[in-house]
PDB file of all heavy atoms in Angstrom:
ATOM      1  N   LEU A   1     -18.617 -21.362   3.653  1.00  0.00           N
ATOM      2  CA  LEU A   1     -18.230 -19.967   3.403  1.00  0.00           C
ATOM      3  C   LEU A   1     -18.259 -19.661   1.925  1.00  0.00           C
ATOM      4  O   LEU A   1     -18.397 -20.525   1.129  1.00  0.00           O
ATOM      5  CB  LEU A   1     -16.671 -19.786   3.903  1.00  0.00           C
ATOM      6  CG  LEU A   1     -16.520 -20.066   5.412  1.00  0.00           C
ATOM      7  CD1 LEU A   1     -15.007 -20.009   5.703  1.00  0.00           C
ATOM      8  CD2 LEU A   1     -17.276 -19.074   6.250  1.00  0.00           C
ATOM      9  N   GLN A   2     -17.970 -18.412   1.587  1.00  0.00           N
ATOM     10  CA  GLN A   2     -17.924 -17.972   0.211  1.00  0.00           C
ATOM     11  C   GLN A   2     -16.538 -18.387  -0.363  1.00  0.00           C
ATOM     12  O   GLN A   2     -15.503 -18.539   0.397  1.00  0.00           O
ATOM     13  CB  GLN A   2     -18.027 -16.409   0.146  1.00  0.00           C
ATOM     14  CG  GLN A   2     -19.351 -15.988   0.612  1.00  0.00           C
ATOM     15  CD  GLN A   2     -20.516 -16.444  -0.315  1.00  0.00           C
ATOM     16  OE1 GLN A   2     -20.380 -16.515  -1.493  1.00  0.00           O
ATOM     17  NE2 GLN A   2     -21.592 -16.942   0.366  1.00  0.00           N
ATOM     18  N   PRO A   3     -16.454 -18.696  -1.622  1.00  0.00           N
ATOM     19  CA  PRO A   3     -15.164 -19.095  -2.237  1.00  0.00           C
ATOM     20  C   PRO A   3     -14.081 -18.155  -1.875  1.00  0.00           C
ATOM     21  O   PRO A   3     -12.821 -18.508  -1.679  1.00  0.00           O
ATOM     22  CB  PRO A   3     -15.502 -19.080  -3.744  1.00  0.00           C
ATOM     23  CG  PRO A   3     -16.885 -19.316  -3.804  1.00  0.00           C
ATOM     24  CD  PRO A   3     -17.558 -18.638  -2.572  1.00  0.00           C
ATOM     25  N   ARG A   4     -14.254 -16.843  -1.880  1.00  0.00           N
ATOM     26  CA  ARG A   4     -13.228 -15.860  -1.507  1.00  0.00           C
ATOM     27  C   ARG A   4     -12.721 -16.071  -0.142  1.00  0.00           C
ATOM     28  O   ARG A   4     -11.466 -15.885   0.137  1.00  0.00           O
ATOM     29  CB  ARG A   4     -13.718 -14.436  -1.701  1.00  0.00           C
ATOM     30  CG  ARG A   4     -12.792 -13.313  -1.533  1.00  0.00           C
ATOM     31  CD  ARG A   4     -11.963 -13.177  -2.846  1.00  0.00           C
ATOM     32  NE  ARG A   4     -11.078 -12.014  -2.626  1.00  0.00           N
ATOM     33  CZ  ARG A   4      -9.876 -11.959  -2.989  1.00  0.00           C
ATOM     34  NH1 ARG A   4      -9.338 -13.001  -3.616  1.00  0.00           N
ATOM     35  NH2 ARG A   4      -9.117 -10.984  -2.794  1.00  0.00           N
ATOM     36  N   ASP A   5     -13.572 -16.439   0.797  1.00  0.00           N
ATOM     37  CA  ASP A   5     -13.141 -16.684   2.137  1.00  0.00           C
ATOM     38  C   ASP A   5     -12.205 -17.907   2.169  1.00  0.00           C
ATOM     39  O   ASP A   5     -11.208 -17.857   2.905  1.00  0.00           O
ATOM     40  CB  ASP A   5     -14.359 -17.011   3.092  1.00  0.00           C
ATOM     41  CG  ASP A   5     -15.257 -15.780   3.240  1.00  0.00           C
ATOM     42  OD1 ASP A   5     -14.763 -14.564   3.208  1.00  0.00           O
ATOM     43  OD2 ASP A   5     -16.491 -15.923   3.341  1.00  0.00           O
ATOM     44  N   TYR A   6     -12.532 -18.937   1.448  1.00  0.00           N
ATOM     45  CA  TYR A   6     -11.628 -20.151   1.404  1.00  0.00           C
ATOM     46  C   TYR A   6     -10.262 -19.769   0.848  1.00  0.00           C
ATOM     47  O   TYR A   6      -9.181 -20.226   1.329  1.00  0.00           O
ATOM     48  CB  TYR A   6     -12.172 -21.247   0.586  1.00  0.00           C
ATOM     49  CG  TYR A   6     -13.401 -21.920   1.280  1.00  0.00           C
ATOM     50  CD1 TYR A   6     -14.671 -21.753   0.759  1.00  0.00           C
ATOM     51  CD2 TYR A   6     -13.247 -22.677   2.399  1.00  0.00           C
ATOM     52  CE1 TYR A   6     -15.736 -22.317   1.404  1.00  0.00           C
ATOM     53  CE2 TYR A   6     -14.344 -23.186   3.031  1.00  0.00           C
ATOM     54  CZ  TYR A   6     -15.575 -23.059   2.511  1.00  0.00           C
ATOM     55  OH  TYR A   6     -16.741 -23.604   3.079  1.00  0.00           O
ATOM     56  N   GLU A   7     -10.259 -18.884  -0.184  1.00  0.00           N
ATOM     57  CA  GLU A   7      -9.044 -18.408  -0.761  1.00  0.00           C
ATOM     58  C   GLU A   7      -8.204 -17.707   0.233  1.00  0.00           C
ATOM     59  O   GLU A   7      -6.952 -17.941   0.319  1.00  0.00           O
ATOM     60  CB  GLU A   7      -9.322 -17.540  -2.005  1.00  0.00           C
ATOM     61  CG  GLU A   7      -8.044 -17.032  -2.678  1.00  0.00           C
ATOM     62  CD  GLU A   7      -8.422 -16.179  -3.903  1.00  0.00           C
ATOM     63  OE1 GLU A   7      -9.624 -16.039  -4.273  1.00  0.00           O
ATOM     64  OE2 GLU A   7      -7.532 -15.610  -4.468  1.00  0.00           O
ATOM     65  N   GLN A   8      -8.810 -16.787   1.035  1.00  0.00           N
ATOM     66  CA  GLN A   8      -8.009 -16.074   1.999  1.00  0.00           C
ATOM     67  C   GLN A   8      -7.493 -16.945   3.137  1.00  0.00           C
ATOM     68  O   GLN A   8      -6.313 -16.798   3.511  1.00  0.00           O
ATOM     69  CB  GLN A   8      -8.897 -14.928   2.594  1.00  0.00           C
ATOM     70  CG  GLN A   8      -9.210 -13.820   1.607  1.00  0.00           C
ATOM     71  CD  GLN A   8      -7.916 -13.131   1.114  1.00  0.00           C
ATOM     72  OE1 GLN A   8      -7.040 -12.784   1.927  1.00  0.00           O
ATOM     73  NE2 GLN A   8      -7.770 -13.088  -0.175  1.00  0.00           N
ATOM     74  N   ILE A   9      -8.310 -17.888   3.494  1.00  0.00           N
ATOM     75  CA  ILE A   9      -7.853 -18.821   4.601  1.00  0.00           C
ATOM     76  C   ILE A   9      -6.742 -19.716   4.019  1.00  0.00           C
ATOM     77  O   ILE A   9      -5.690 -19.860   4.702  1.00  0.00           O
ATOM     78  CB  ILE A   9      -9.014 -19.709   5.095  1.00  0.00           C
ATOM     79  CG1 ILE A   9     -10.064 -18.894   5.861  1.00  0.00           C
ATOM     80  CG2 ILE A   9      -8.448 -20.879   5.943  1.00  0.00           C
ATOM     81  CD1 ILE A   9     -11.339 -19.587   6.118  1.00  0.00           C
ATOM     82  N   ALA A  10      -6.825 -20.135   2.877  1.00  0.00           N
ATOM     83  CA  ALA A  10      -5.752 -20.950   2.235  1.00  0.00           C
ATOM     84  C   ALA A  10      -4.449 -20.198   2.127  1.00  0.00           C
ATOM     85  O   ALA A  10      -3.400 -20.731   2.447  1.00  0.00           O
ATOM     86  CB  ALA A  10      -6.279 -21.497   0.848  1.00  0.00           C
ATOM     87  N   LEU A  11      -4.559 -18.994   1.756  1.00  0.00           N
ATOM     88  CA  LEU A  11      -3.351 -18.104   1.584  1.00  0.00           C
ATOM     89  C   LEU A  11      -2.681 -17.868   2.941  1.00  0.00           C
ATOM     90  O   LEU A  11      -1.532 -17.935   3.046  1.00  0.00           O
ATOM     91  CB  LEU A  11      -3.692 -16.790   0.911  1.00  0.00           C
ATOM     92  CG  LEU A  11      -4.012 -16.899  -0.578  1.00  0.00           C
ATOM     93  CD1 LEU A  11      -4.572 -15.545  -1.109  1.00  0.00           C
ATOM     94  CD2 LEU A  11      -2.841 -17.354  -1.343  1.00  0.00           C
ATOM     95  N   GLN A  12      -3.500 -17.570   3.991  1.00  0.00           N
ATOM     96  CA  GLN A  12      -2.997 -17.393   5.254  1.00  0.00           C
ATOM     97  C   GLN A  12      -2.271 -18.679   5.899  1.00  0.00           C
ATOM     98  O   GLN A  12      -1.158 -18.561   6.374  1.00  0.00           O
ATOM     99  CB  GLN A  12      -4.143 -17.010   6.303  1.00  0.00           C
ATOM    100  CG  GLN A  12      -4.642 -15.593   6.070  1.00  0.00           C
ATOM    101  CD  GLN A  12      -3.685 -14.547   6.495  1.00  0.00           C
ATOM    102  OE1 GLN A  12      -3.010 -14.679   7.539  1.00  0.00           O
ATOM    103  NE2 GLN A  12      -3.596 -13.530   5.715  1.00  0.00           N
ATOM    104  N   LEU A  13      -2.927 -19.818   5.724  1.00  0.00           N
ATOM    105  CA  LEU A  13      -2.372 -21.017   6.207  1.00  0.00           C
ATOM    106  C   LEU A  13      -1.119 -21.412   5.442  1.00  0.00           C
ATOM    107  O   LEU A  13      -0.090 -21.872   6.061  1.00  0.00           O
ATOM    108  CB  LEU A  13      -3.340 -22.096   6.193  1.00  0.00           C
ATOM    109  CG  LEU A  13      -4.578 -21.961   7.222  1.00  0.00           C
ATOM    110  CD1 LEU A  13      -5.612 -23.151   6.961  1.00  0.00           C
ATOM    111  CD2 LEU A  13      -4.064 -22.020   8.626  1.00  0.00           C
ATOM    112  N   ALA A  14      -1.119 -21.263   4.160  1.00  0.00           N
ATOM    113  CA  ALA A  14       0.016 -21.706   3.327  1.00  0.00           C
ATOM    114  C   ALA A  14       1.202 -20.730   3.684  1.00  0.00           C
ATOM    115  O   ALA A  14       2.309 -21.168   3.760  1.00  0.00           O
ATOM    116  CB  ALA A  14      -0.342 -21.576   1.874  1.00  0.00           C
ATOM    117  N   GLY A  15       0.921 -19.422   3.739  1.00  0.00           N
ATOM    118  CA  GLY A  15       2.025 -18.455   4.001  1.00  0.00           C
ATOM    119  C   GLY A  15       2.715 -18.779   5.364  1.00  0.00           C
ATOM    120  O   GLY A  15       3.883 -18.746   5.520  1.00  0.00           O
ATOM    121  N   HIS A  16       1.859 -19.013   6.365  1.00  0.00           N
ATOM    122  CA  HIS A  16       2.378 -19.276   7.689  1.00  0.00           C
ATOM    123  C   HIS A  16       3.063 -20.601   7.738  1.00  0.00           C
ATOM    124  O   HIS A  16       4.103 -20.819   8.345  1.00  0.00           O
ATOM    125  CB  HIS A  16       1.278 -19.268   8.754  1.00  0.00           C
ATOM    126  CG  HIS A  16       1.895 -19.242  10.099  1.00  0.00           C
ATOM    127  ND1 HIS A  16       2.471 -18.078  10.625  1.00  0.00           N
ATOM    128  CD2 HIS A  16       1.820 -20.114  11.122  1.00  0.00           C
ATOM    129  CE1 HIS A  16       2.908 -18.384  11.876  1.00  0.00           C
ATOM    130  NE2 HIS A  16       2.505 -19.581  12.201  1.00  0.00           N
ATOM    131  N   ALA A  17       2.559 -21.577   6.998  1.00  0.00           N
ATOM    132  CA  ALA A  17       3.282 -22.918   6.962  1.00  0.00           C
ATOM    133  C   ALA A  17       4.629 -22.751   6.355  1.00  0.00           C
ATOM    134  O   ALA A  17       5.560 -23.456   6.804  1.00  0.00           O
ATOM    135  CB  ALA A  17       2.381 -23.927   6.156  1.00  0.00           C
ATOM    136  N   ARG A  18       4.748 -21.939   5.343  1.00  0.00           N
ATOM    137  CA  ARG A  18       6.097 -21.704   4.739  1.00  0.00           C
ATOM    138  C   ARG A  18       7.075 -21.083   5.718  1.00  0.00           C
ATOM    139  O   ARG A  18       8.227 -21.542   5.820  1.00  0.00           O
ATOM    140  CB  ARG A  18       5.942 -20.816   3.529  1.00  0.00           C
ATOM    141  CG  ARG A  18       5.461 -21.519   2.323  1.00  0.00           C
ATOM    142  CD  ARG A  18       5.439 -20.531   1.009  1.00  0.00           C
ATOM    143  NE  ARG A  18       4.776 -21.215  -0.040  1.00  0.00           N
ATOM    144  CZ  ARG A  18       3.452 -21.048  -0.273  1.00  0.00           C
ATOM    145  NH1 ARG A  18       2.681 -20.319   0.412  1.00  0.00           N
ATOM    146  NH2 ARG A  18       2.854 -21.779  -1.311  1.00  0.00           N
ATOM    147  N   SER A  19       6.589 -20.159   6.574  1.00  0.00           N
ATOM    148  CA  SER A  19       7.427 -19.549   7.589  1.00  0.00           C
ATOM    149  C   SER A  19       7.856 -20.626   8.642  1.00  0.00           C
ATOM    150  O   SER A  19       9.033 -20.648   9.003  1.00  0.00           O
ATOM    151  CB  SER A  19       6.686 -18.451   8.291  1.00  0.00           C
ATOM    152  OG  SER A  19       6.481 -17.375   7.414  1.00  0.00           O
ATOM    153  N   VAL A  20       6.946 -21.374   9.026  1.00  0.00           N
ATOM    154  CA  VAL A  20       7.258 -22.512  10.020  1.00  0.00           C
ATOM    155  C   VAL A  20       8.156 -23.431   9.447  1.00  0.00           C
ATOM    156  O   VAL A  20       9.199 -23.908  10.067  1.00  0.00           O
ATOM    157  CB  VAL A  20       5.991 -23.137  10.579  1.00  0.00           C
ATOM    158  CG1 VAL A  20       6.354 -24.300  11.521  1.00  0.00           C
ATOM    159  CG2 VAL A  20       5.014 -22.165  11.226  1.00  0.00           C
ATOM    160  N   ALA A  21       7.962 -23.838   8.142  1.00  0.00           N
ATOM    161  CA  ALA A  21       8.845 -24.771   7.466  1.00  0.00           C
ATOM    162  C   ALA A  21      10.266 -24.256   7.387  1.00  0.00           C
ATOM    163  O   ALA A  21      11.285 -24.948   7.614  1.00  0.00           O
ATOM    164  CB  ALA A  21       8.274 -25.205   6.119  1.00  0.00           C
ATOM    165  N   ASP A  22      10.452 -22.952   7.092  1.00  0.00           N
ATOM    166  CA  ASP A  22      11.740 -22.324   7.025  1.00  0.00           C
ATOM    167  C   ASP A  22      12.431 -22.429   8.417  1.00  0.00           C
ATOM    168  O   ASP A  22      13.638 -22.711   8.469  1.00  0.00           O
ATOM    169  CB  ASP A  22      11.624 -20.866   6.594  1.00  0.00           C
ATOM    170  CG  ASP A  22      11.330 -20.705   5.122  1.00  0.00           C
ATOM    171  OD1 ASP A  22      11.465 -21.676   4.333  1.00  0.00           O
ATOM    172  OD2 ASP A  22      10.978 -19.527   4.758  1.00  0.00           O
ATOM    173  N   ASP A  23      11.713 -22.244   9.485  1.00  0.00           N
ATOM    174  CA  ASP A  23      12.364 -22.241  10.813  1.00  0.00           C
ATOM    175  C   ASP A  23      12.625 -23.699  11.110  1.00  0.00           C
ATOM    176  O   ASP A  23      13.726 -23.975  11.678  1.00  0.00           O
ATOM    177  CB  ASP A  23      11.404 -21.697  11.833  1.00  0.00           C
ATOM    178  CG  ASP A  23      12.102 -21.480  13.123  1.00  0.00           C
ATOM    179  OD1 ASP A  23      13.127 -20.765  13.167  1.00  0.00           O
ATOM    180  OD2 ASP A  23      11.689 -22.001  14.187  1.00  0.00           O
ATOM    181  N   VAL A  24      11.812 -24.648  10.791  1.00  0.00           N
ATOM    182  CA  VAL A  24      12.120 -26.080  11.009  1.00  0.00           C
ATOM    183  C   VAL A  24      13.354 -26.484  10.197  1.00  0.00           C
ATOM    184  O   VAL A  24      14.218 -27.135  10.794  1.00  0.00           O
ATOM    185  CB  VAL A  24      10.859 -26.970  10.638  1.00  0.00           C
ATOM    186  CG1 VAL A  24      11.205 -28.409  10.655  1.00  0.00           C
ATOM    187  CG2 VAL A  24       9.759 -26.699  11.607  1.00  0.00           C
ATOM    188  N   ARG A  25      13.474 -26.006   9.021  1.00  0.00           N
ATOM    189  CA  ARG A  25      14.613 -26.367   8.165  1.00  0.00           C
ATOM    190  C   ARG A  25      15.833 -25.810   8.837  1.00  0.00           C
ATOM    191  O   ARG A  25      16.926 -26.524   8.839  1.00  0.00           O
ATOM    192  CB  ARG A  25      14.378 -25.781   6.778  1.00  0.00           C
ATOM    193  CG  ARG A  25      15.480 -26.184   5.810  1.00  0.00           C
ATOM    194  CD  ARG A  25      15.161 -25.695   4.373  1.00  0.00           C
ATOM    195  NE  ARG A  25      13.930 -26.297   3.867  1.00  0.00           N
ATOM    196  CZ  ARG A  25      12.755 -25.669   3.822  1.00  0.00           C
ATOM    197  NH1 ARG A  25      12.588 -24.388   4.164  1.00  0.00           N
ATOM    198  NH2 ARG A  25      11.682 -26.271   3.334  1.00  0.00           N
TER     199      ARG A  25
END
């Protein structure tokens, strides 16, 4: 993919992982 696509995917996954981690905590 294009670098910008990786950046968007990384931001989506990281943001959601933070939400899940908050609920797990």
